[in-house]
Amino acid sequence: MVVSQSEYYISPEEYLEGEKFSEIKHEYIDGQVYAMAGASDAHVTVSMNVSMLLRNHLRGSGCRVYMLDMKAQIDLINRYFYPDVMVTYDTRDRESEYFKSHPCLIIEVLSESTEGYDRGKKFASYRHLESLQEYVLISPERMSVECFRRNEEGHWVLYPYEKEQEVHLASVDFRCAMPTAGYAYAEIYEDVVLVP
């Protein structure tokens, strides 16, 4: 979430060095640094649930799952973001300890203050990643998973999932069920109180 903006240009190298020691996280957009605010209980719980599900699913495959504190670099347009969950299997991403440049899957958990940004400008930035196959938006308040998948023509197609449907993330061949209405347990939403 964008809270404050610095008033002068910061190079990517200065940004990356500063993030190593900063007590708060910042996202980087073309020379400007934006402080990030904290997240709600539901936001953090959904992020953790998804990352654990993917980690268990991908164990032993060579794919790496990152949650909350790993940066995604979009070098082409000079950006660094902190996705809620990110998956990469590209061996080039083993070269950098503090950011990944070739994710196949990025997941953002929505919040009231960032939803428009996550759907708009942030998604537009992520689309510059040639490796990215899927961009997923998850609501922490109601049972809703929206998967934007790049097709063979390079167009992004929306696959929405709600209650009683099976979520499919093709980039990592992951599937999980969304329960029927009124059912208290769902893998993605475990321990999250949903809005009726």
Protein backbone atom coordinates (compact mmCIF):
# COMPACT_ATOMS: atom_id res chain seq x y z
CA MET A 1 0.00 0.00 0.00
CA VAL A 2 1.35 3.42 -0.92
CA VAL A 3 1.65 5.70 2.09
CA SER A 4 4.38 8.23 1.38
CA GLN A 5 6.66 9.19 -1.48
CA SER A 6 10.22 10.43 -1.35
CA GLU A 7 10.89 13.79 -3.01
CA TYR A 8 14.04 12.98 -4.96
CA TYR A 9 15.30 10.34 -7.38
CA ILE A 10 16.75 7.18 -5.89
CA SER A 11 18.67 4.74 -8.06
CA PRO A 12 17.68 1.05 -8.05
CA GLU A 13 21.00 0.25 -6.38
CA GLU A 14 20.35 2.78 -3.58
CA TYR A 15 16.85 1.41 -3.14
CA LEU A 16 17.98 -2.20 -2.90
CA GLU A 17 20.73 -1.34 -0.42
CA GLY A 18 18.34 0.71 1.71
CA GLU A 19 15.76 -2.08 1.81
CA LYS A 20 18.31 -4.42 3.39
CA PHE A 21 18.31 -2.26 6.54
CA SER A 22 14.91 -0.59 6.52
CA GLU A 23 12.46 -1.42 9.31
CA ILE A 24 9.55 -0.91 6.90
CA LYS A 25 9.12 -2.14 3.34
CA HIS A 26 9.06 0.19 0.35
CA GLU A 27 8.03 -0.35 -3.24
CA TYR A 28 10.06 1.32 -5.98
CA ILE A 29 8.60 2.98 -9.07
CA ASP A 30 11.02 4.60 -11.49
CA GLY A 31 13.21 6.40 -8.95
CA GLN A 32 10.52 7.04 -6.33
CA VAL A 33 10.17 5.05 -3.12
CA TYR A 34 6.78 4.40 -1.51
CA ALA A 35 6.38 3.17 2.07
CA MET A 36 4.02 0.26 2.61
CA ALA A 37 1.50 0.00 5.42
CA GLY A 38 0.71 -3.12 7.40
CA ALA A 39 -1.96 -5.65 6.44
CA SER A 40 -5.07 -7.00 8.17
CA ASP A 41 -5.31 -10.36 9.91
CA ALA A 42 -7.40 -11.77 7.04
CA HIS A 43 -4.93 -10.47 4.43
CA VAL A 44 -1.94 -12.07 6.15
CA THR A 45 -3.82 -15.32 6.85
CA VAL A 46 -4.95 -15.74 3.22
CA SER A 47 -1.40 -14.97 2.01
CA MET A 48 0.04 -17.56 4.40
CA ASN A 49 -2.58 -20.18 3.49
CA VAL A 50 -1.94 -19.79 -0.24
CA SER A 51 1.83 -19.82 0.11
CA MET A 52 1.72 -22.96 2.28
CA LEU A 53 -0.64 -24.73 -0.14
CA LEU A 54 1.64 -23.88 -3.06
CA ARG A 55 4.79 -24.80 -1.13
CA ASN A 56 3.39 -28.22 -0.28
CA HIS A 57 2.18 -28.73 -3.85
CA LEU A 58 5.52 -27.72 -5.40
CA ARG A 59 7.85 -29.40 -2.92
CA GLY A 60 10.66 -31.17 -4.79
CA SER A 61 9.75 -29.62 -8.16
CA GLY A 62 12.47 -26.97 -8.28
CA CYS A 63 9.89 -24.16 -8.04
CA ARG A 64 10.33 -21.62 -5.26
CA VAL A 65 7.43 -19.98 -3.43
CA TYR A 66 7.93 -16.58 -1.80
CA MET A 67 5.61 -14.70 0.53
CA LEU A 68 5.33 -11.00 1.43
CA ASP A 69 9.02 -10.08 1.88
CA MET A 70 10.55 -10.99 -1.51
CA LYS A 71 10.61 -8.31 -4.18
CA ALA A 72 9.57 -8.79 -7.81
CA GLN A 73 11.80 -6.81 -10.16
CA ILE A 74 10.37 -5.44 -13.39
CA ASP A 75 13.60 -4.24 -14.94
CA LEU A 76 12.07 -3.11 -18.24
CA ILE A 77 10.11 -0.32 -16.52
CA ASN A 78 12.30 0.19 -13.43
CA ARG A 79 9.95 -1.17 -10.74
CA TYR A 80 10.17 -3.31 -7.60
CA PHE A 81 7.07 -4.59 -5.83
CA TYR A 82 6.42 -6.89 -2.88
CA PRO A 83 3.79 -9.40 -4.09
CA ASP A 84 1.86 -11.23 -1.40
CA VAL A 85 2.85 -14.56 -3.00
CA MET A 86 5.18 -15.22 -5.92
CA VAL A 87 6.36 -18.44 -7.60
CA THR A 88 9.37 -18.88 -9.86
CA TYR A 89 11.01 -21.91 -11.40
CA ASP A 90 13.49 -19.95 -13.52
CA THR A 91 17.07 -20.80 -12.55
CA ARG A 92 18.12 -17.20 -13.23
CA ASP A 93 16.19 -16.20 -10.11
CA ARG A 94 18.68 -18.12 -7.97
CA GLU A 95 21.28 -15.46 -8.77
CA SER A 96 19.66 -12.71 -6.70
CA GLU A 97 19.13 -12.94 -2.97
CA TYR A 98 16.83 -9.91 -2.61
CA PHE A 99 14.55 -9.93 -5.66
CA LYS A 100 13.20 -12.23 -8.37
CA SER A 101 12.85 -11.19 -12.02
CA HIS A 102 11.22 -14.19 -13.71
CA PRO A 103 8.11 -15.27 -11.74
CA CYS A 104 5.51 -17.45 -13.46
CA LEU A 105 2.80 -16.69 -10.88
CA ILE A 106 2.06 -13.61 -8.78
CA ILE A 107 -0.75 -13.44 -6.24
CA GLU A 108 -2.04 -10.29 -4.58
CA VAL A 109 -4.50 -10.40 -1.69
CA LEU A 110 -6.80 -7.40 -2.03
CA SER A 111 -7.50 -4.74 0.55
CA GLU A 112 -9.94 -1.85 0.42
CA SER A 113 -7.14 0.69 0.03
CA THR A 114 -5.12 -1.17 -2.64
CA GLU A 115 -7.71 -3.01 -4.74
CA GLY A 116 -7.92 -0.40 -7.49
CA TYR A 117 -4.14 -0.15 -7.70
CA ASP A 118 -3.67 -3.94 -7.73
CA ARG A 119 -6.22 -4.30 -10.55
CA GLY A 120 -4.95 -1.32 -12.53
CA LYS A 121 -1.46 0.14 -12.47
CA LYS A 122 0.22 -2.71 -10.62
CA PHE A 123 -1.23 -5.32 -12.99
CA ALA A 124 -0.16 -3.15 -15.94
CA SER A 125 3.37 -3.15 -14.52
CA TYR A 126 3.42 -6.90 -13.90
CA ARG A 127 2.37 -7.53 -17.51
CA HIS A 128 5.86 -6.40 -18.59
CA LEU A 129 7.26 -9.62 -17.06
CA GLU A 130 7.64 -12.01 -20.00
CA SER A 131 7.81 -14.99 -17.64
CA LEU A 132 4.50 -14.19 -15.92
CA GLN A 133 1.78 -16.65 -16.88
CA GLU A 134 -0.83 -15.88 -14.21
CA TYR A 135 -1.79 -12.95 -12.01
CA VAL A 136 -4.23 -13.80 -9.23
CA LEU A 137 -6.32 -11.50 -7.06
CA ILE A 138 -7.87 -12.95 -3.89
CA SER A 139 -10.47 -11.22 -1.76
CA PRO A 140 -9.87 -11.74 1.98
CA GLU A 141 -13.47 -10.78 2.79
CA ARG A 142 -15.55 -13.01 0.52
CA MET A 143 -14.93 -16.21 -1.39
CA SER A 144 -13.51 -14.83 -4.63
CA VAL A 145 -10.37 -15.75 -6.56
CA GLU A 146 -9.75 -14.06 -9.91
CA CYS A 147 -7.05 -15.57 -12.10
CA PHE A 148 -5.80 -13.60 -15.09
CA ARG A 149 -4.02 -16.07 -17.39
CA ARG A 150 -1.91 -15.18 -20.42
CA ASN A 151 -3.10 -17.18 -23.44
CA GLU A 152 -1.10 -18.36 -26.46
CA GLU A 153 -1.74 -15.06 -28.27
CA GLY A 154 -0.36 -13.11 -25.30
CA HIS A 155 -3.79 -11.81 -24.22
CA TRP A 156 -4.84 -11.88 -20.57
CA VAL A 157 -8.03 -13.88 -19.94
CA LEU A 158 -9.99 -13.74 -16.68
CA TYR A 159 -10.92 -16.99 -14.91
CA PRO A 160 -13.09 -16.10 -11.89
CA TYR A 161 -13.65 -18.65 -9.12
CA GLU A 162 -16.28 -18.42 -6.41
CA LYS A 163 -17.99 -20.84 -4.02
CA GLU A 164 -18.52 -24.40 -5.22
CA GLN A 165 -15.86 -24.08 -7.94
CA GLU A 166 -12.39 -25.55 -8.24
CA VAL A 167 -9.57 -23.03 -8.41
CA HIS A 168 -7.02 -23.97 -11.07
CA LEU A 169 -3.64 -22.24 -11.35
CA ALA A 170 -2.34 -23.67 -14.62
CA SER A 171 1.15 -22.13 -14.33
CA VAL A 172 1.95 -24.51 -11.47
CA ASP A 173 -0.80 -27.11 -12.09
CA PHE A 174 -2.40 -26.39 -8.71
CA ARG A 175 -6.03 -27.10 -7.87
CA CYS A 176 -8.14 -26.61 -4.76
CA ALA A 177 -11.86 -26.54 -4.14
CA MET A 178 -13.91 -23.56 -3.06
CA PRO A 179 -16.53 -24.90 -0.64
CA THR A 180 -20.27 -24.48 -0.85
CA ALA A 181 -21.97 -21.53 0.82
CA GLY A 182 -22.15 -21.78 4.58
CA TYR A 183 -19.28 -24.24 4.82
CA ALA A 184 -16.79 -22.88 7.35
CA TYR A 185 -13.61 -24.42 5.95
CA ALA A 186 -11.81 -23.72 2.73
CA GLU A 187 -8.11 -24.26 2.19
CA ILE A 188 -7.44 -20.74 0.96
CA TYR A 189 -9.74 -19.24 3.59
CA GLU A 190 -8.84 -21.38 6.59
CA ASP A 191 -9.14 -19.34 9.82
CA VAL A 192 -10.56 -16.32 7.94
CA VAL A 193 -13.95 -14.84 8.89
CA LEU A 194 -15.73 -14.07 5.63
CA VAL A 195 -18.40 -11.43 5.09
CA PRO A 196 -21.81 -13.19 4.85
